[in-house]
Amino acid sequence: MFDLIVRAVEWARFLLFPLDLFPVPEPPVRTDPWRRPWTSPTQEEAQAILRAREEAARGKRKLYYLPPGVFLPLTGARR
């Protein structure tokens, strides 16, 4: 019985207050300013993007411990 009452109230609300009268605002699309085709980023945005990229790259770097006497091969050396 409670179910029917709730359903009747929902229908009354829907008929009395149509949803078209109250449009739901859409949130602005958050895109990378470098990828926005219609504008280029402001100087502050560009600096913030570059700073974020540098911090992300710094976080990915790994430090390795090499004991004394252990050497890495040189990448440019050829035999």
PDB file of N, CA and C in Angstrom:
ATOM      1  N   MET A   1       0.820  -1.196   0.000  1.00  0.00           N
ATOM      2  CA  MET A   1       0.000   0.000   0.000  1.00  0.00           C
ATOM      3  C   MET A   1       0.869   1.267   0.000  1.00  0.00           C
ATOM      4  N   PHE A   2       1.917   1.218   0.820  1.00  0.00           N
ATOM      5  CA  PHE A   2       2.846   2.352   0.869  1.00  0.00           C
ATOM      6  C   PHE A   2       3.477   2.588  -0.496  1.00  0.00           C
ATOM      7  N   ASP A   3       3.767   1.477  -1.195  1.00  0.00           N
ATOM      8  CA  ASP A   3       4.336   1.560  -2.544  1.00  0.00           C
ATOM      9  C   ASP A   3       3.425   2.346  -3.483  1.00  0.00           C
ATOM     10  N   LEU A   4       2.132   2.080  -3.415  1.00  0.00           N
ATOM     11  CA  LEU A   4       1.180   2.771  -4.291  1.00  0.00           C
ATOM     12  C   LEU A   4       1.110   4.262  -3.976  1.00  0.00           C
ATOM     13  N   ILE A   5       1.188   4.588  -2.696  1.00  0.00           N
ATOM     14  CA  ILE A   5       1.145   5.998  -2.301  1.00  0.00           C
ATOM     15  C   ILE A   5       2.377   6.728  -2.836  1.00  0.00           C
ATOM     16  N   VAL A   6       3.534   6.099  -2.670  1.00  0.00           N
ATOM     17  CA  VAL A   6       4.777   6.709  -3.152  1.00  0.00           C
ATOM     18  C   VAL A   6       4.711   6.898  -4.660  1.00  0.00           C
ATOM     19  N   ARG A   7       4.231   5.885  -5.366  1.00  0.00           N
ATOM     20  CA  ARG A   7       4.137   5.977  -6.818  1.00  0.00           C
ATOM     21  C   ARG A   7       3.155   7.071  -7.241  1.00  0.00           C
ATOM     22  N   ALA A   8       2.026   7.203  -6.526  1.00  0.00           N
ATOM     23  CA  ALA A   8       1.052   8.258  -6.841  1.00  0.00           C
ATOM     24  C   ALA A   8       1.653   9.643  -6.609  1.00  0.00           C
ATOM     25  N   VAL A   9       2.417   9.788  -5.528  1.00  0.00           N
ATOM     26  CA  VAL A   9       3.059  11.074  -5.250  1.00  0.00           C
ATOM     27  C   VAL A   9       4.080  11.398  -6.332  1.00  0.00           C
ATOM     28  N   GLU A  10       4.844  10.388  -6.775  1.00  0.00           N
ATOM     29  CA  GLU A  10       5.829  10.620  -7.833  1.00  0.00           C
ATOM     30  C   GLU A  10       5.146  11.072  -9.116  1.00  0.00           C
ATOM     31  N   TRP A  11       4.028  10.425  -9.481  1.00  0.00           N
ATOM     32  CA  TRP A  11       3.304  10.808 -10.695  1.00  0.00           C
ATOM     33  C   TRP A  11       2.739  12.217 -10.559  1.00  0.00           C
ATOM     34  N   ALA A  12       2.191  12.548  -9.397  1.00  0.00           N
ATOM     35  CA  ALA A  12       1.647  13.890  -9.195  1.00  0.00           C
ATOM     36  C   ALA A  12       2.751  14.935  -9.321  1.00  0.00           C
ATOM     37  N   ARG A  13       3.905  14.644  -8.728  1.00  0.00           N
ATOM     38  CA  ARG A  13       5.044  15.555  -8.828  1.00  0.00           C
ATOM     39  C   ARG A  13       5.478  15.727 -10.268  1.00  0.00           C
ATOM     40  N   PHE A  14       5.501  14.609 -11.004  1.00  0.00           N
ATOM     41  CA  PHE A  14       5.935  14.652 -12.396  1.00  0.00           C
ATOM     42  C   PHE A  14       4.966  15.472 -13.247  1.00  0.00           C
ATOM     43  N   LEU A  15       3.645  15.316 -12.983  1.00  0.00           N
ATOM     44  CA  LEU A  15       2.655  16.035 -13.784  1.00  0.00           C
ATOM     45  C   LEU A  15       2.565  17.511 -13.398  1.00  0.00           C
ATOM     46  N   LEU A  16       2.737  17.807 -12.116  1.00  0.00           N
ATOM     47  CA  LEU A  16       2.632  19.197 -11.672  1.00  0.00           C
ATOM     48  C   LEU A  16       3.901  20.001 -11.948  1.00  0.00           C
ATOM     49  N   PHE A  17       5.049  19.362 -11.815  1.00  0.00           N
ATOM     50  CA  PHE A  17       6.328  20.042 -12.003  1.00  0.00           C
ATOM     51  C   PHE A  17       7.129  19.316 -13.074  1.00  0.00           C
ATOM     52  N   PRO A  18       6.885  19.620 -14.346  1.00  0.00           N
ATOM     53  CA  PRO A  18       7.657  18.936 -15.386  1.00  0.00           C
ATOM     54  C   PRO A  18       9.145  19.279 -15.273  1.00  0.00           C
ATOM     55  N   LEU A  19       9.950  18.332 -15.614  1.00  0.00           N
ATOM     56  CA  LEU A  19      11.395  18.512 -15.470  1.00  0.00           C
ATOM     57  C   LEU A  19      11.947  19.508 -16.477  1.00  0.00           C
ATOM     58  N   ASP A  20      11.212  19.767 -17.566  1.00  0.00           N
ATOM     59  CA  ASP A  20      11.715  20.698 -18.572  1.00  0.00           C
ATOM     60  C   ASP A  20      11.756  22.133 -18.057  1.00  0.00           C
ATOM     61  N   LEU A  21      10.969  22.429 -17.027  1.00  0.00           N
ATOM     62  CA  LEU A  21      10.971  23.787 -16.499  1.00  0.00           C
ATOM     63  C   LEU A  21      12.250  24.097 -15.729  1.00  0.00           C
ATOM     64  N   PHE A  22      12.905  23.073 -15.214  1.00  0.00           N
ATOM     65  CA  PHE A  22      14.119  23.264 -14.428  1.00  0.00           C
ATOM     66  C   PHE A  22      15.281  22.552 -15.117  1.00  0.00           C
ATOM     67  N   PRO A  23      15.926  23.195 -16.081  1.00  0.00           N
ATOM     68  CA  PRO A  23      17.030  22.515 -16.770  1.00  0.00           C
ATOM     69  C   PRO A  23      18.205  22.285 -15.820  1.00  0.00           C
ATOM     70  N   VAL A  24      18.786  21.145 -15.933  1.00  0.00           N
ATOM     71  CA  VAL A  24      19.939  20.800 -15.105  1.00  0.00           C
ATOM     72  C   VAL A  24      21.183  21.377 -15.772  1.00  0.00           C
ATOM     73  N   PRO A  25      21.934  22.217 -15.074  1.00  0.00           N
ATOM     74  CA  PRO A  25      23.133  22.782 -15.697  1.00  0.00           C
ATOM     75  C   PRO A  25      24.178  21.699 -15.930  1.00  0.00           C
ATOM     76  N   GLU A  26      24.771  21.729 -17.107  1.00  0.00           N
ATOM     77  CA  GLU A  26      25.815  20.751 -17.421  1.00  0.00           C
ATOM     78  C   GLU A  26      27.148  21.304 -16.949  1.00  0.00           C
ATOM     79  N   PRO A  27      27.954  20.467 -16.326  1.00  0.00           N
ATOM     80  CA  PRO A  27      29.252  20.958 -15.870  1.00  0.00           C
ATOM     81  C   PRO A  27      30.153  21.267 -17.066  1.00  0.00           C
ATOM     82  N   PRO A  28      31.028  22.250 -16.941  1.00  0.00           N
ATOM     83  CA  PRO A  28      31.927  22.552 -18.056  1.00  0.00           C
ATOM     84  C   PRO A  28      32.891  21.397 -18.295  1.00  0.00           C
ATOM     85  N   VAL A  29      33.236  21.205 -19.533  1.00  0.00           N
ATOM     86  CA  VAL A  29      34.120  20.097 -19.901  1.00  0.00           C
ATOM     87  C   VAL A  29      35.540  20.481 -19.531  1.00  0.00           C
ATOM     88  N   ARG A  30      36.171  19.628 -18.722  1.00  0.00           N
ATOM     89  CA  ARG A  30      37.559  19.885 -18.331  1.00  0.00           C
ATOM     90  C   ARG A  30      38.473  19.214 -19.338  1.00  0.00           C
ATOM     91  N   THR A  31      39.130  20.008 -20.149  1.00  0.00           N
ATOM     92  CA  THR A  31      40.056  19.458 -21.138  1.00  0.00           C
ATOM     93  C   THR A  31      41.417  20.103 -20.950  1.00  0.00           C
ATOM     94  N   ASP A  32      42.406  19.437 -21.450  1.00  0.00           N
ATOM     95  CA  ASP A  32      43.753  19.968 -21.414  1.00  0.00           C
ATOM     96  C   ASP A  32      43.795  21.199 -22.319  1.00  0.00           C
ATOM     97  N   PRO A  33      44.204  22.368 -21.811  1.00  0.00           N
ATOM     98  CA  PRO A  33      44.203  23.567 -22.663  1.00  0.00           C
ATOM     99  C   PRO A  33      45.071  23.436 -23.904  1.00  0.00           C
ATOM    100  N   TRP A  34      46.094  22.552 -23.873  1.00  0.00           N
ATOM    101  CA  TRP A  34      46.924  22.362 -25.063  1.00  0.00           C
ATOM    102  C   TRP A  34      46.129  21.679 -26.160  1.00  0.00           C
ATOM    103  N   ARG A  35      45.119  20.906 -25.799  1.00  0.00           N
ATOM    104  CA  ARG A  35      44.351  20.151 -26.788  1.00  0.00           C
ATOM    105  C   ARG A  35      43.075  20.870 -27.202  1.00  0.00           C
ATOM    106  N   ARG A  36      42.813  22.034 -26.613  1.00  0.00           N
ATOM    107  CA  ARG A  36      41.629  22.785 -27.018  1.00  0.00           C
ATOM    108  C   ARG A  36      41.892  23.402 -28.380  1.00  0.00           C
ATOM    109  N   PRO A  37      41.107  23.067 -29.391  1.00  0.00           N
ATOM    110  CA  PRO A  37      41.402  23.607 -30.719  1.00  0.00           C
ATOM    111  C   PRO A  37      41.043  25.083 -30.858  1.00  0.00           C
ATOM    112  N   TRP A  38      40.137  25.593 -30.020  1.00  0.00           N
ATOM    113  CA  TRP A  38      39.645  26.950 -30.254  1.00  0.00           C
ATOM    114  C   TRP A  38      40.412  28.006 -29.474  1.00  0.00           C
ATOM    115  N   THR A  39      41.186  27.614 -28.455  1.00  0.00           N
ATOM    116  CA  THR A  39      41.964  28.606 -27.712  1.00  0.00           C
ATOM    117  C   THR A  39      43.322  28.032 -27.380  1.00  0.00           C
ATOM    118  N   SER A  40      44.244  28.900 -27.118  1.00  0.00           N
ATOM    119  CA  SER A  40      45.529  28.458 -26.589  1.00  0.00           C
ATOM    120  C   SER A  40      45.546  28.805 -25.106  1.00  0.00           C
ATOM    121  N   PRO A  41      46.328  28.073 -24.309  1.00  0.00           N
ATOM    122  CA  PRO A  41      46.310  28.319 -22.863  1.00  0.00           C
ATOM    123  C   PRO A  41      46.913  29.675 -22.514  1.00  0.00           C
ATOM    124  N   THR A  42      46.453  30.219 -21.412  1.00  0.00           N
ATOM    125  CA  THR A  42      47.069  31.446 -20.912  1.00  0.00           C
ATOM    126  C   THR A  42      48.450  31.103 -20.374  1.00  0.00           C
ATOM    127  N   GLN A  43      49.217  32.131 -20.078  1.00  0.00           N
ATOM    128  CA  GLN A  43      50.578  31.886 -19.597  1.00  0.00           C
ATOM    129  C   GLN A  43      50.554  31.133 -18.266  1.00  0.00           C
ATOM    130  N   GLU A  44      49.618  31.485 -17.390  1.00  0.00           N
ATOM    131  CA  GLU A  44      49.539  30.788 -16.098  1.00  0.00           C
ATOM    132  C   GLU A  44      49.156  29.324 -16.300  1.00  0.00           C
ATOM    133  N   GLU A  45      48.200  29.086 -17.209  1.00  0.00           N
ATOM    134  CA  GLU A  45      47.803  27.701 -17.489  1.00  0.00           C
ATOM    135  C   GLU A  45      48.969  26.912 -18.060  1.00  0.00           C
ATOM    136  N   ALA A  46      49.707  27.528 -18.985  1.00  0.00           N
ATOM    137  CA  ALA A  46      50.834  26.829 -19.606  1.00  0.00           C
ATOM    138  C   ALA A  46      51.894  26.487 -18.565  1.00  0.00           C
ATOM    139  N   GLN A  47      52.194  27.441 -17.678  1.00  0.00           N
ATOM    140  CA  GLN A  47      53.188  27.170 -16.638  1.00  0.00           C
ATOM    141  C   GLN A  47      52.710  26.070 -15.696  1.00  0.00           C
ATOM    142  N   ALA A  48      51.423  26.080 -15.354  1.00  0.00           N
ATOM    143  CA  ALA A  48      50.889  25.037 -14.472  1.00  0.00           C
ATOM    144  C   ALA A  48      50.952  23.672 -15.145  1.00  0.00           C
ATOM    145  N   ILE A  49      50.667  23.623 -16.446  1.00  0.00           N
ATOM    146  CA  ILE A  49      50.720  22.346 -17.168  1.00  0.00           C
ATOM    147  C   ILE A  49      52.145  21.820 -17.201  1.00  0.00           C
ATOM    148  N   LEU A  50      53.097  22.694 -17.549  1.00  0.00           N
ATOM    149  CA  LEU A  50      54.493  22.252 -17.617  1.00  0.00           C
ATOM    150  C   LEU A  50      54.991  21.820 -16.240  1.00  0.00           C
ATOM    151  N   ARG A  51      54.599  22.554 -15.190  1.00  0.00           N
ATOM    152  CA  ARG A  51      55.011  22.178 -13.834  1.00  0.00           C
ATOM    153  C   ARG A  51      54.438  20.815 -13.455  1.00  0.00           C
ATOM    154  N   ALA A  52      53.180  20.567 -13.803  1.00  0.00           N
ATOM    155  CA  ALA A  52      52.556  19.276 -13.489  1.00  0.00           C
ATOM    156  C   ALA A  52      53.233  18.148 -14.252  1.00  0.00           C
ATOM    157  N   ARG A  53      53.592  18.407 -15.509  1.00  0.00           N
ATOM    158  CA  ARG A  53      54.279  17.369 -16.292  1.00  0.00           C
ATOM    159  C   ARG A  53      55.653  17.064 -15.712  1.00  0.00           C
ATOM    160  N   GLU A  54      56.375  18.117 -15.289  1.00  0.00           N
ATOM    161  CA  GLU A  54      57.694  17.891 -14.691  1.00  0.00           C
ATOM    162  C   GLU A  54      57.577  17.091 -13.401  1.00  0.00           C
ATOM    163  N   GLU A  55      56.586  17.421 -12.577  1.00  0.00           N
ATOM    164  CA  GLU A  55      56.406  16.685 -11.323  1.00  0.00           C
ATOM    165  C   GLU A  55      56.028  15.236 -11.583  1.00  0.00           C
ATOM    166  N   ALA A  56      55.210  14.995 -12.610  1.00  0.00           N
ATOM    167  CA  ALA A  56      54.836  13.619 -12.946  1.00  0.00           C
ATOM    168  C   ALA A  56      56.050  12.847 -13.438  1.00  0.00           C
ATOM    169  N   ALA A  57      56.892  13.501 -14.250  1.00  0.00           N
ATOM    170  CA  ALA A  57      58.090  12.825 -14.749  1.00  0.00           C
ATOM    171  C   ALA A  57      59.066  12.567 -13.607  1.00  0.00           C
ATOM    172  N   ARG A  58      59.156  13.523 -12.668  1.00  0.00           N
ATOM    173  CA  ARG A  58      60.070  13.342 -11.540  1.00  0.00           C
ATOM    174  C   ARG A  58      59.614  12.180 -10.665  1.00  0.00           C
ATOM    175  N   GLY A  59      58.327  11.986 -10.547  1.00  0.00           N
ATOM    176  CA  GLY A  59      57.808  10.885  -9.737  1.00  0.00           C
ATOM    177  C   GLY A  59      58.053   9.530 -10.363  1.00  0.00           C
ATOM    178  N   LYS A  60      58.219   9.483 -11.684  1.00  0.00           N
ATOM    179  CA  LYS A  60      58.434   8.206 -12.361  1.00  0.00           C
ATOM    180  C   LYS A  60      59.895   7.775 -12.349  1.00  0.00           C
ATOM    181  N   ARG A  61      60.800   8.722 -12.088  1.00  0.00           N
ATOM    182  CA  ARG A  61      62.220   8.357 -12.082  1.00  0.00           C
ATOM    183  C   ARG A  61      62.524   7.413 -10.931  1.00  0.00           C
ATOM    184  N   LYS A  62      63.373   6.443 -11.210  1.00  0.00           N
ATOM    185  CA  LYS A  62      63.766   5.498 -10.171  1.00  0.00           C
ATOM    186  C   LYS A  62      65.246   5.670  -9.872  1.00  0.00           C
ATOM    187  N   LEU A  63      65.570   5.571  -8.614  1.00  0.00           N
ATOM    188  CA  LEU A  63      66.966   5.626  -8.203  1.00  0.00           C
ATOM    189  C   LEU A  63      67.425   4.217  -7.860  1.00  0.00           C
ATOM    190  N   TYR A  64      68.555   3.852  -8.395  1.00  0.00           N
ATOM    191  CA  TYR A  64      69.102   2.520  -8.144  1.00  0.00           C
ATOM    192  C   TYR A  64      70.394   2.661  -7.359  1.00  0.00           C
ATOM    193  N   TYR A  65      70.615   1.736  -6.460  1.00  0.00           N
ATOM    194  CA  TYR A  65      71.862   1.713  -5.704  1.00  0.00           C
ATOM    195  C   TYR A  65      72.819   0.742  -6.371  1.00  0.00           C
ATOM    196  N   LEU A  66      74.002   1.235  -6.709  1.00  0.00           N
ATOM    197  CA  LEU A  66      75.037   0.369  -7.277  1.00  0.00           C
ATOM    198  C   LEU A  66      76.164   0.273  -6.260  1.00  0.00           C
ATOM    199  N   PRO A  67      76.473  -0.932  -5.843  1.00  0.00           N
ATOM    200  CA  PRO A  67      77.588  -1.071  -4.904  1.00  0.00           C
ATOM    201  C   PRO A  67      78.904  -0.700  -5.583  1.00  0.00           C
ATOM    202  N   PRO A  68      79.912  -0.366  -4.795  1.00  0.00           N
ATOM    203  CA  PRO A  68      81.202   0.008  -5.391  1.00  0.00           C
ATOM    204  C   PRO A  68      81.755  -1.136  -6.238  1.00  0.00           C
ATOM    205  N   GLY A  69      82.331  -0.782  -7.387  1.00  0.00           N
ATOM    206  CA  GLY A  69      82.905  -1.780  -8.279  1.00  0.00           C
ATOM    207  C   GLY A  69      81.936  -2.281  -9.335  1.00  0.00           C
ATOM    208  N   VAL A  70      80.667  -1.926  -9.253  1.00  0.00           N
ATOM    209  CA  VAL A  70      79.683  -2.334 -10.264  1.00  0.00           C
ATOM    210  C   VAL A  70      79.467  -1.148 -11.200  1.00  0.00           C
ATOM    211  N   PHE A  71      79.623  -1.397 -12.493  1.00  0.00           N
ATOM    212  CA  PHE A  71      79.503  -0.332 -13.480  1.00  0.00           C
ATOM    213  C   PHE A  71      78.418  -0.684 -14.492  1.00  0.00           C
ATOM    214  N   LEU A  72      77.717   0.318 -14.942  1.00  0.00           N
ATOM    215  CA  LEU A  72      76.734   0.120 -15.993  1.00  0.00           C
ATOM    216  C   LEU A  72      77.415   0.249 -17.348  1.00  0.00           C
ATOM    217  N   PRO A  73      76.967  -0.519 -18.329  1.00  0.00           N
ATOM    218  CA  PRO A  73      77.570  -0.364 -19.659  1.00  0.00           C
ATOM    219  C   PRO A  73      77.192   0.994 -20.253  1.00  0.00           C
ATOM    220  N   LEU A  74      78.100   1.565 -21.022  1.00  0.00           N
ATOM    221  CA  LEU A  74      77.816   2.831 -21.680  1.00  0.00           C
ATOM    222  C   LEU A  74      76.903   2.566 -22.864  1.00  0.00           C
ATOM    223  N   THR A  75      75.866   3.363 -23.015  1.00  0.00           N
ATOM    224  CA  THR A  75      74.892   3.099 -24.073  1.00  0.00           C
ATOM    225  C   THR A  75      75.461   3.396 -25.454  1.00  0.00           C
ATOM    226  N   GLY A  76      76.358   4.358 -25.568  1.00  0.00           N
ATOM    227  CA  GLY A  76      76.891   4.714 -26.886  1.00  0.00           C
ATOM    228  C   GLY A  76      78.094   3.886 -27.302  1.00  0.00           C
ATOM    229  N   ALA A  77      78.609   3.030 -26.413  1.00  0.00           N
ATOM    230  CA  ALA A  77      79.831   2.272 -26.724  1.00  0.00           C
ATOM    231  C   ALA A  77      79.515   1.125 -27.675  1.00  0.00           C
ATOM    232  N   ARG A  78      80.351   0.972 -28.689  1.00  0.00           N
ATOM    233  CA  ARG A  78      80.201  -0.147 -29.630  1.00  0.00           C
ATOM    234  C   ARG A  78      81.487  -0.947 -29.658  1.00  0.00           C
ATOM    235  N   ARG A  79      81.334  -2.240 -29.878  1.00  0.00           N
ATOM    236  CA  ARG A  79      82.528  -3.091 -29.910  1.00  0.00           C
ATOM    237  C   ARG A  79      83.001  -3.305 -31.328  1.00  0.00           C
TER     238      ARG A  79
END
